[in-house]
Amino acid sequence: MNMHIRRPVVRARRHQTGQTLISMMIGLVISLITISAMLVLYKTMIEVSANASRSALRDGQVSAALLAAQMDLQSAGFGVPAADALSSRFGVRESGKEVVWRYKAELADVGFVCSGLRLVDNEGLYRFTPKACSDVAGVNWAVGERELLAGSAAFFTPVQKDGSAYAGGEGEIGAMSLAAGYVFALKAERQCLPFMQQDFSTSPMALPGQQLVMEQADGAGHLFQACLPNLAVST
């Protein structure tokens, strides 16, 4: 009789499956690096957006101020007799940092008044309040008799819609501002007025228009140029 001997079956031991502590630590490190990169990107995008908003707002405010200055300049010489010397109607003073003009006031009993603009380095462009005068050479304004139209980046902080000021506006890149070095210059331009209003049929050419330019002292660039139709000089 054959005897079958049963031998014990030895089964291979299965390896343990699942997450280990090392794999969890590696995943945690990768997650932290990803989150840090996302936070840096988010912070950069917020700074770029905030800087662009401040720069755009400042550009708009400075542009509006320069436009207001050019509109004020259109009154230069209005109602003043043409026989009066140009130097009594309009003057560039303080090495080009100040411009003053005389014109007829709207009120008949006031007579002639003077107004002006003042450039202050590292501050901005100021407008002088009108006051009675007989000549631009002798009129002066106190510090409290001027208002700020547009300021430099270091001095002027743009204002939000609710009237509050932006914080941290220093160090902006690309914002329009009145940097130091700008001056006023008066130039006689024969092609200043539009639609050929000057009379070029006579010889010599009479009454060329006056043009005021706000430019760098070295002439490298300018912010605006404005024709002054009420001022003219004979050649």
Protein backbone atom coordinates (compact mmCIF):
# COMPACT_ATOMS: atom_id res chain seq x y z
CA MET A 1 0.00 0.00 0.00
CA ASN A 2 1.40 3.29 -1.15
CA MET A 3 1.61 5.81 1.51
CA HIS A 4 1.34 9.45 0.28
CA ILE A 5 3.34 11.74 2.41
CA ARG A 6 1.87 15.15 2.62
CA ARG A 7 4.41 17.85 2.63
CA PRO A 8 3.57 21.26 4.00
CA VAL A 9 3.00 23.89 1.29
CA VAL A 10 5.23 26.85 1.80
CA ARG A 11 3.65 29.96 0.38
CA ALA A 12 5.71 33.02 -0.53
CA ARG A 13 5.32 35.85 1.90
CA ARG A 14 3.66 38.88 0.33
CA HIS A 15 5.30 42.29 0.70
CA GLN A 16 3.36 44.96 2.63
CA THR A 17 1.62 47.50 0.38
CA GLY A 18 0.54 51.12 1.07
CA GLN A 19 2.21 54.45 1.97
CA THR A 20 5.38 54.65 3.88
CA LEU A 21 6.65 57.48 6.05
CA ILE A 22 9.31 58.39 3.49
CA SER A 23 6.81 58.68 0.64
CA MET A 24 4.57 60.86 2.77
CA MET A 25 7.48 63.16 3.62
CA ILE A 26 8.48 63.44 -0.05
CA GLY A 27 4.90 64.32 -1.01
CA LEU A 28 4.74 66.89 1.76
CA VAL A 29 7.96 68.57 0.56
CA ILE A 30 6.70 68.69 -3.02
CA SER A 31 3.38 70.18 -1.86
CA LEU A 32 5.16 72.86 0.19
CA ILE A 33 7.36 73.83 -2.76
CA THR A 34 4.32 74.07 -5.06
CA ILE A 35 2.35 76.18 -2.57
CA SER A 36 5.33 78.49 -2.00
CA ALA A 37 5.72 79.02 -5.75
CA MET A 38 2.02 79.79 -6.10
CA LEU A 39 2.17 82.30 -3.23
CA VAL A 40 5.18 84.06 -4.77
CA LEU A 41 3.41 84.23 -8.14
CA TYR A 42 0.25 85.55 -6.50
CA LYS A 43 2.19 88.22 -4.59
CA THR A 44 3.99 89.29 -7.76
CA MET A 45 0.73 89.58 -9.70
CA ILE A 46 -0.86 91.65 -6.93
CA GLU A 47 2.12 94.03 -6.82
CA VAL A 48 2.15 94.44 -10.60
CA SER A 49 -1.60 95.08 -10.66
CA ALA A 50 -1.45 97.59 -7.79
CA ASN A 51 1.51 99.39 -9.36
CA ALA A 52 -0.26 99.57 -12.72
CA SER A 53 -3.38 100.98 -11.04
CA ARG A 54 -1.43 103.65 -9.19
CA SER A 55 0.56 104.55 -12.29
CA ALA A 56 -2.58 104.79 -14.43
CA LEU A 57 -4.31 106.94 -11.83
CA ARG A 58 -1.30 109.22 -11.49
CA ASP A 59 -0.95 109.50 -15.25
CA GLY A 60 -4.57 110.57 -15.48
CA GLN A 61 -4.27 113.12 -12.69
CA VAL A 62 -1.02 114.59 -14.04
CA SER A 63 -2.42 114.73 -17.58
CA ALA A 64 -5.57 116.46 -16.33
CA ALA A 65 -3.46 118.95 -14.37
CA LEU A 66 -1.30 119.78 -17.37
CA LEU A 67 -4.41 120.21 -19.50
CA ALA A 68 -5.86 122.57 -16.88
CA ALA A 69 -2.62 124.57 -16.93
CA GLN A 70 -2.76 124.90 -20.72
CA MET A 71 -6.37 126.06 -20.52
CA ASP A 72 -5.43 128.69 -17.94
CA LEU A 73 -2.65 129.89 -20.21
CA GLN A 74 -5.20 130.75 -22.92
CA SER A 75 -6.23 133.77 -20.85
CA ALA A 76 -2.73 135.27 -21.09
CA GLY A 77 -2.99 138.75 -22.60
CA PHE A 78 -6.78 138.62 -22.99
CA GLY A 79 -8.21 142.14 -23.06
CA VAL A 80 -4.80 143.78 -22.64
CA PRO A 81 -4.12 146.57 -25.19
CA ALA A 82 -1.84 145.42 -27.98
CA ALA A 83 0.23 148.56 -27.45
CA ASP A 84 1.39 147.26 -24.06
CA ALA A 85 4.81 145.64 -24.13
CA LEU A 86 4.96 141.87 -24.15
CA SER A 87 7.06 141.98 -20.98
CA SER A 88 4.16 143.66 -19.14
CA ARG A 89 1.68 141.02 -20.29
CA PHE A 90 3.69 137.85 -19.96
CA GLY A 91 6.89 136.89 -18.22
CA VAL A 92 9.08 133.84 -17.56
CA ARG A 93 10.90 134.28 -14.25
CA GLU A 94 13.08 132.46 -11.73
CA SER A 95 15.30 130.87 -14.39
CA GLY A 96 12.31 129.35 -16.15
CA LYS A 97 10.69 127.91 -13.02
CA GLU A 98 7.86 130.47 -12.97
CA VAL A 99 5.58 131.97 -15.59
CA VAL A 100 3.19 134.89 -14.97
CA TRP A 101 0.61 136.49 -17.24
CA ARG A 102 -1.81 139.42 -17.12
CA TYR A 103 -5.34 139.55 -18.49
CA LYS A 104 -8.66 141.33 -18.21
CA ALA A 105 -10.82 140.06 -15.37
CA GLU A 106 -14.42 139.09 -16.00
CA LEU A 107 -15.65 141.62 -13.44
CA ALA A 108 -15.54 145.13 -14.84
CA ASP A 109 -14.65 146.76 -11.53
CA VAL A 110 -11.62 144.51 -10.95
CA GLY A 111 -9.62 145.49 -13.99
CA PHE A 112 -6.49 143.58 -14.86
CA VAL A 113 -5.37 140.54 -12.87
CA CYS A 114 -2.31 138.33 -12.93
CA SER A 115 -2.04 134.58 -12.61
CA GLY A 116 0.77 132.12 -13.08
CA LEU A 117 2.36 128.72 -12.75
CA ARG A 118 5.30 127.64 -10.62
CA LEU A 119 7.53 124.56 -10.96
CA VAL A 120 9.11 123.35 -7.73
CA ASP A 121 11.69 120.58 -8.06
CA ASN A 122 10.79 117.38 -6.19
CA GLU A 123 7.32 118.77 -5.49
CA GLY A 124 5.43 119.56 -8.67
CA LEU A 125 3.47 122.17 -10.60
CA TYR A 126 1.58 124.90 -8.72
CA ARG A 127 -0.99 127.41 -9.93
CA PHE A 128 -1.12 130.93 -8.53
CA THR A 129 -4.49 132.34 -7.59
CA PRO A 130 -5.43 135.43 -9.63
CA LYS A 131 -4.78 138.82 -8.03
CA ALA A 132 -5.06 142.43 -9.19
CA CYS A 133 -1.94 143.78 -10.89
CA SER A 134 -0.73 146.33 -13.40
CA ASP A 135 2.43 144.56 -14.56
CA VAL A 136 3.70 140.99 -14.39
CA ALA A 137 7.14 142.09 -13.21
CA GLY A 138 6.00 143.42 -9.84
CA VAL A 139 3.45 140.82 -8.78
CA ASN A 140 4.34 138.06 -6.30
CA TRP A 141 2.48 135.36 -4.41
CA ALA A 142 2.92 133.93 -0.94
CA VAL A 143 3.17 130.17 -0.40
CA GLY A 144 -0.44 130.06 0.77
CA GLU A 145 -1.64 131.70 -2.46
CA ARG A 146 -0.93 128.73 -4.67
CA GLU A 147 -2.46 125.31 -5.20
CA LEU A 148 -0.87 122.06 -6.33
CA LEU A 149 -1.89 120.91 -9.80
CA ALA A 150 0.44 117.97 -10.35
CA GLY A 151 3.17 116.53 -8.19
CA SER A 152 6.33 114.49 -8.48
CA ALA A 153 6.34 110.80 -7.59
CA ALA A 154 8.15 111.49 -4.31
CA PHE A 155 5.78 114.28 -3.27
CA PHE A 156 2.39 113.51 -4.73
CA THR A 157 0.28 110.49 -3.79
CA PRO A 158 -2.61 109.68 -6.15
CA VAL A 159 -6.11 109.89 -4.73
CA GLN A 160 -8.72 107.16 -5.00
CA LYS A 161 -12.36 107.69 -5.96
CA ASP A 162 -13.43 108.02 -2.34
CA GLY A 163 -10.85 110.76 -1.71
CA SER A 164 -8.42 108.62 0.27
CA ALA A 165 -4.77 108.43 -0.74
CA TYR A 166 -2.98 105.35 -1.96
CA ALA A 167 -0.39 104.04 0.49
CA GLY A 168 3.06 103.02 -0.61
CA GLY A 169 3.11 104.96 -3.85
CA GLU A 170 6.85 105.56 -3.70
CA GLY A 171 9.12 103.73 -6.05
CA GLU A 172 6.62 103.36 -8.85
CA ILE A 173 7.94 102.44 -12.27
CA GLY A 174 6.51 104.01 -15.41
CA ALA A 175 4.28 106.55 -13.72
CA MET A 176 4.09 109.96 -15.30
CA SER A 177 5.52 112.57 -12.94
CA LEU A 178 7.14 115.99 -12.90
CA ALA A 179 10.77 115.15 -12.38
CA ALA A 180 13.30 117.80 -11.46
CA GLY A 181 14.80 119.78 -14.32
CA TYR A 182 11.69 120.98 -16.17
CA VAL A 183 11.51 124.70 -17.04
CA PHE A 184 9.24 127.05 -18.97
CA ALA A 185 10.42 128.64 -22.22
CA LEU A 186 8.66 131.23 -24.39
CA LYS A 187 9.16 130.96 -28.13
CA ALA A 188 7.90 133.03 -31.04
CA GLU A 189 6.43 130.59 -33.55
CA ARG A 190 5.05 131.77 -36.88
CA GLN A 191 3.07 128.55 -37.31
CA CYS A 192 1.66 128.54 -33.78
CA LEU A 193 -1.99 129.40 -34.36
CA PRO A 194 -4.23 126.96 -36.26
CA PHE A 195 -5.91 127.45 -39.62
CA MET A 196 -3.20 129.89 -40.78
CA GLN A 197 -4.62 132.77 -38.73
CA GLN A 198 -1.38 134.71 -39.06
CA ASP A 199 -1.10 137.11 -41.96
CA PHE A 200 1.89 136.01 -44.04
CA SER A 201 0.96 138.17 -47.04
CA THR A 202 2.85 141.20 -45.81
CA SER A 203 6.57 141.68 -45.56
CA PRO A 204 7.94 141.51 -42.98
CA MET A 205 5.62 138.89 -41.50
CA ALA A 206 3.57 140.49 -38.73
CA LEU A 207 2.53 139.28 -35.32
CA PRO A 208 3.96 135.78 -34.98
CA GLY A 209 2.20 133.74 -32.30
CA GLN A 210 3.79 133.06 -28.93
CA GLN A 211 4.25 129.52 -27.70
CA LEU A 212 5.01 128.39 -24.16
CA VAL A 213 6.88 125.11 -23.75
CA MET A 214 7.50 123.07 -20.61
CA GLU A 215 10.69 121.18 -21.33
CA GLN A 216 13.87 119.89 -19.78
CA ALA A 217 16.54 122.52 -19.29
CA ASP A 218 18.77 120.75 -21.81
CA GLY A 219 15.94 120.48 -24.32
CA ALA A 220 15.98 116.67 -24.19
CA GLY A 221 12.21 116.38 -23.82
CA HIS A 222 9.07 118.33 -23.06
CA LEU A 223 5.73 117.72 -21.36
CA PHE A 224 3.56 120.18 -23.27
CA GLN A 225 3.55 123.17 -25.56
CA ALA A 226 0.75 125.70 -25.73
CA CYS A 227 0.01 128.47 -28.19
CA LEU A 228 -0.94 131.83 -26.69
CA PRO A 229 -3.28 133.48 -29.21
CA ASN A 230 -3.65 136.74 -27.26
CA LEU A 231 0.07 137.45 -27.31
CA ALA A 232 1.93 138.59 -30.37
CA VAL A 233 5.01 140.61 -31.18
CA SER A 234 5.81 142.54 -34.34
CA THR A 235 8.88 141.62 -36.33
